[in-house]
Amino acid sequence: MVEFCVTLAAMIAGCAFLLALWRFFQGPSDADRIVAFDTLTVIGITGIVLVAFLEGRGIYLDVALVYALLSFLGVIVVARHLERGL
């Protein structure tokens, strides 16, 4: 049952990744692209966490945490740049 739930979560995350990737390339404004990029990173973190769960490796959770922190800082920097420039 657990494997089914993880597989279902991976399939949903894959569909969400494709939709966010479409918005990233198709987005009419830069703000749409930033939000899509942030969504892609969150989905990537979800994928890392799912792999960590399947493999039973806790070190992957540390990687996901660092990736989340760097992604957050990157989105903040780009948003500030678009709002008023650095």
N, C-alpha and C. Protein backbone atom coordinates (compact mmCIF):
# COMPACT_ATOMS: atom_id res chain seq x y z
N MET A 1 0.82 -1.20 0.00
CA MET A 1 0.00 0.00 0.00
C MET A 1 0.87 1.26 0.00
N VAL A 2 1.99 1.21 0.75
CA VAL A 2 2.86 2.38 0.82
C VAL A 2 3.49 2.64 -0.54
N GLU A 3 3.91 1.57 -1.22
CA GLU A 3 4.51 1.74 -2.54
C GLU A 3 3.52 2.35 -3.52
N PHE A 4 2.26 1.97 -3.42
CA PHE A 4 1.23 2.54 -4.28
C PHE A 4 1.07 4.03 -4.02
N CYS A 5 1.06 4.42 -2.75
CA CYS A 5 0.91 5.84 -2.41
C CYS A 5 2.11 6.65 -2.88
N VAL A 6 3.31 6.10 -2.75
CA VAL A 6 4.50 6.81 -3.21
C VAL A 6 4.49 6.91 -4.73
N THR A 7 4.09 5.84 -5.40
CA THR A 7 4.00 5.88 -6.87
C THR A 7 2.95 6.89 -7.32
N LEU A 8 1.83 6.93 -6.64
CA LEU A 8 0.79 7.91 -6.98
C LEU A 8 1.29 9.33 -6.74
N ALA A 9 1.99 9.55 -5.65
CA ALA A 9 2.54 10.88 -5.37
C ALA A 9 3.57 11.27 -6.43
N ALA A 10 4.39 10.32 -6.87
CA ALA A 10 5.38 10.60 -7.92
C ALA A 10 4.70 10.93 -9.24
N MET A 11 3.62 10.24 -9.56
CA MET A 11 2.89 10.53 -10.80
C MET A 11 2.25 11.91 -10.76
N ILE A 12 1.66 12.25 -9.63
CA ILE A 12 1.06 13.58 -9.49
C ILE A 12 2.13 14.66 -9.56
N ALA A 13 3.27 14.43 -8.91
CA ALA A 13 4.37 15.39 -8.95
C ALA A 13 4.90 15.53 -10.38
N GLY A 14 4.95 14.44 -11.12
CA GLY A 14 5.39 14.49 -12.52
C GLY A 14 4.45 15.32 -13.39
N CYS A 15 3.15 15.13 -13.20
CA CYS A 15 2.17 15.93 -13.94
C CYS A 15 2.28 17.41 -13.56
N ALA A 16 2.44 17.68 -12.28
CA ALA A 16 2.58 19.07 -11.83
C ALA A 16 3.85 19.68 -12.38
N PHE A 17 4.93 18.89 -12.48
CA PHE A 17 6.19 19.38 -13.03
C PHE A 17 6.00 19.78 -14.49
N LEU A 18 5.30 18.96 -15.25
CA LEU A 18 5.07 19.28 -16.66
C LEU A 18 4.23 20.54 -16.83
N LEU A 19 3.21 20.69 -15.99
CA LEU A 19 2.37 21.89 -16.07
C LEU A 19 3.15 23.15 -15.68
N ALA A 20 3.97 23.04 -14.65
CA ALA A 20 4.78 24.20 -14.25
C ALA A 20 5.85 24.52 -15.29
N LEU A 21 6.39 23.49 -15.92
CA LEU A 21 7.38 23.72 -16.97
C LEU A 21 6.74 24.42 -18.17
N TRP A 22 5.51 24.04 -18.47
CA TRP A 22 4.78 24.70 -19.56
C TRP A 22 4.56 26.18 -19.22
N ARG A 23 4.19 26.47 -17.98
CA ARG A 23 3.98 27.86 -17.58
C ARG A 23 5.30 28.64 -17.59
N PHE A 24 6.40 27.96 -17.25
CA PHE A 24 7.70 28.62 -17.25
C PHE A 24 8.07 29.07 -18.67
N PHE A 25 7.83 28.25 -19.66
CA PHE A 25 8.17 28.61 -21.02
C PHE A 25 7.11 29.47 -21.69
N GLN A 26 5.86 29.31 -21.32
CA GLN A 26 4.75 29.99 -21.98
C GLN A 26 4.35 31.27 -21.26
N GLY A 27 4.78 31.45 -20.02
CA GLY A 27 4.32 32.57 -19.19
C GLY A 27 4.39 33.92 -19.87
N PRO A 28 3.32 34.68 -19.82
CA PRO A 28 3.33 35.96 -20.52
C PRO A 28 4.19 37.02 -19.84
N SER A 29 4.44 36.89 -18.55
CA SER A 29 5.22 37.92 -17.87
C SER A 29 6.37 37.28 -17.10
N ASP A 30 7.29 38.12 -16.68
CA ASP A 30 8.42 37.62 -15.91
C ASP A 30 7.98 37.11 -14.54
N ALA A 31 6.98 37.72 -13.97
CA ALA A 31 6.48 37.27 -12.67
C ALA A 31 5.91 35.85 -12.77
N ASP A 32 5.22 35.54 -13.87
CA ASP A 32 4.71 34.19 -14.07
C ASP A 32 5.86 33.19 -14.16
N ARG A 33 6.92 33.58 -14.80
CA ARG A 33 8.07 32.69 -14.93
C ARG A 33 8.76 32.47 -13.58
N ILE A 34 8.81 33.50 -12.75
CA ILE A 34 9.41 33.34 -11.42
C ILE A 34 8.58 32.40 -10.57
N VAL A 35 7.28 32.57 -10.58
CA VAL A 35 6.41 31.69 -9.81
C VAL A 35 6.51 30.26 -10.33
N ALA A 36 6.57 30.08 -11.64
CA ALA A 36 6.71 28.75 -12.21
C ALA A 36 8.05 28.12 -11.82
N PHE A 37 9.12 28.93 -11.82
CA PHE A 37 10.42 28.41 -11.41
C PHE A 37 10.41 27.98 -9.95
N ASP A 38 9.78 28.77 -9.10
CA ASP A 38 9.67 28.41 -7.69
C ASP A 38 8.86 27.13 -7.53
N THR A 39 7.80 27.00 -8.31
CA THR A 39 7.00 25.78 -8.28
C THR A 39 7.81 24.57 -8.73
N LEU A 40 8.62 24.76 -9.76
CA LEU A 40 9.48 23.67 -10.23
C LEU A 40 10.47 23.23 -9.16
N THR A 41 11.00 24.18 -8.42
CA THR A 41 11.94 23.80 -7.37
C THR A 41 11.25 23.06 -6.23
N VAL A 42 10.04 23.48 -5.90
CA VAL A 42 9.29 22.78 -4.85
C VAL A 42 8.97 21.36 -5.29
N ILE A 43 8.61 21.19 -6.55
CA ILE A 43 8.33 19.85 -7.06
C ILE A 43 9.61 19.02 -7.10
N GLY A 44 10.73 19.65 -7.43
CA GLY A 44 12.01 18.95 -7.39
C GLY A 44 12.36 18.48 -5.98
N ILE A 45 12.09 19.33 -5.01
CA ILE A 45 12.33 18.96 -3.60
C ILE A 45 11.42 17.80 -3.22
N THR A 46 10.19 17.81 -3.70
CA THR A 46 9.27 16.70 -3.45
C THR A 46 9.84 15.41 -4.02
N GLY A 47 10.40 15.49 -5.22
CA GLY A 47 11.01 14.30 -5.82
C GLY A 47 12.18 13.79 -5.01
N ILE A 48 13.00 14.69 -4.50
CA ILE A 48 14.14 14.28 -3.68
C ILE A 48 13.65 13.60 -2.40
N VAL A 49 12.61 14.14 -1.80
CA VAL A 49 12.07 13.55 -0.57
C VAL A 49 11.47 12.17 -0.85
N LEU A 50 10.79 12.02 -1.98
CA LEU A 50 10.23 10.71 -2.33
C LEU A 50 11.34 9.69 -2.54
N VAL A 51 12.42 10.09 -3.20
CA VAL A 51 13.54 9.17 -3.41
C VAL A 51 14.18 8.83 -2.06
N ALA A 52 14.30 9.81 -1.18
CA ALA A 52 14.86 9.54 0.15
C ALA A 52 14.01 8.52 0.90
N PHE A 53 12.71 8.63 0.75
CA PHE A 53 11.81 7.69 1.42
C PHE A 53 11.95 6.30 0.83
N LEU A 54 12.00 6.22 -0.49
CA LEU A 54 12.09 4.91 -1.14
C LEU A 54 13.43 4.22 -0.87
N GLU A 55 14.50 4.99 -0.89
CA GLU A 55 15.83 4.42 -0.69
C GLU A 55 16.19 4.25 0.78
N GLY A 56 15.46 4.92 1.66
CA GLY A 56 15.76 4.85 3.08
C GLY A 56 17.04 5.58 3.46
N ARG A 57 17.34 6.65 2.74
CA ARG A 57 18.57 7.41 2.97
C ARG A 57 18.21 8.79 3.49
N GLY A 58 18.57 9.06 4.73
CA GLY A 58 18.26 10.34 5.35
C GLY A 58 19.10 11.49 4.84
N ILE A 59 20.25 11.19 4.25
CA ILE A 59 21.12 12.25 3.75
C ILE A 59 20.45 13.03 2.63
N TYR A 60 19.56 12.38 1.89
CA TYR A 60 18.86 13.07 0.81
C TYR A 60 17.95 14.18 1.35
N LEU A 61 17.48 14.01 2.58
CA LEU A 61 16.65 15.05 3.18
C LEU A 61 17.46 16.30 3.46
N ASP A 62 18.73 16.12 3.82
CA ASP A 62 19.62 17.28 3.99
C ASP A 62 19.83 18.00 2.66
N VAL A 63 19.98 17.22 1.61
CA VAL A 63 20.13 17.82 0.28
C VAL A 63 18.89 18.60 -0.09
N ALA A 64 17.72 18.03 0.20
CA ALA A 64 16.46 18.72 -0.11
C ALA A 64 16.34 20.02 0.69
N LEU A 65 16.78 20.01 1.94
CA LEU A 65 16.72 21.22 2.77
C LEU A 65 17.63 22.31 2.23
N VAL A 66 18.84 21.96 1.86
CA VAL A 66 19.77 22.96 1.30
C VAL A 66 19.23 23.50 -0.02
N TYR A 67 18.69 22.61 -0.85
CA TYR A 67 18.11 23.03 -2.12
C TYR A 67 16.95 23.99 -1.89
N ALA A 68 16.13 23.73 -0.89
CA ALA A 68 15.01 24.62 -0.58
C ALA A 68 15.48 25.99 -0.13
N LEU A 69 16.51 26.03 0.70
CA LEU A 69 17.03 27.32 1.17
C LEU A 69 17.64 28.13 0.03
N LEU A 70 18.42 27.47 -0.81
CA LEU A 70 19.02 28.18 -1.95
C LEU A 70 17.96 28.64 -2.94
N SER A 71 16.95 27.83 -3.14
CA SER A 71 15.86 28.21 -4.05
C SER A 71 15.11 29.43 -3.51
N PHE A 72 14.85 29.44 -2.23
CA PHE A 72 14.16 30.58 -1.62
C PHE A 72 14.97 31.86 -1.80
N LEU A 73 16.26 31.78 -1.52
CA LEU A 73 17.10 32.96 -1.67
C LEU A 73 17.17 33.41 -3.13
N GLY A 74 17.24 32.47 -4.05
CA GLY A 74 17.28 32.82 -5.47
C GLY A 74 16.02 33.52 -5.94
N VAL A 75 14.89 33.04 -5.50
CA VAL A 75 13.62 33.67 -5.90
C VAL A 75 13.52 35.08 -5.30
N ILE A 76 13.96 35.25 -4.07
CA ILE A 76 13.94 36.57 -3.44
C ILE A 76 14.83 37.54 -4.22
N VAL A 77 16.01 37.11 -4.61
CA VAL A 77 16.93 37.98 -5.34
C VAL A 77 16.33 38.39 -6.70
N VAL A 78 15.77 37.42 -7.40
CA VAL A 78 15.19 37.73 -8.72
C VAL A 78 13.97 38.63 -8.57
N ALA A 79 13.15 38.42 -7.56
CA ALA A 79 11.99 39.27 -7.34
C ALA A 79 12.39 40.69 -7.00
N ARG A 80 13.43 40.85 -6.18
CA ARG A 80 13.92 42.20 -5.89
C ARG A 80 14.47 42.87 -7.13
N HIS A 81 15.15 42.11 -7.96
CA HIS A 81 15.70 42.66 -9.19
C HIS A 81 14.59 43.15 -10.12
N LEU A 82 13.52 42.38 -10.22
CA LEU A 82 12.42 42.78 -11.10
C LEU A 82 11.63 43.95 -10.52
N GLU A 83 11.54 44.00 -9.19
CA GLU A 83 10.76 45.07 -8.57
C GLU A 83 11.44 46.43 -8.68
N ARG A 84 12.71 46.49 -8.33
CA ARG A 84 13.35 47.80 -8.32
C ARG A 84 14.81 47.77 -8.71
N GLY A 85 15.30 46.62 -9.06
CA GLY A 85 16.70 46.52 -9.43
C GLY A 85 17.58 46.33 -8.21
N LEU A 86 18.70 45.71 -8.42
CA LEU A 86 19.64 45.51 -7.30
C LEU A 86 20.45 46.74 -7.14
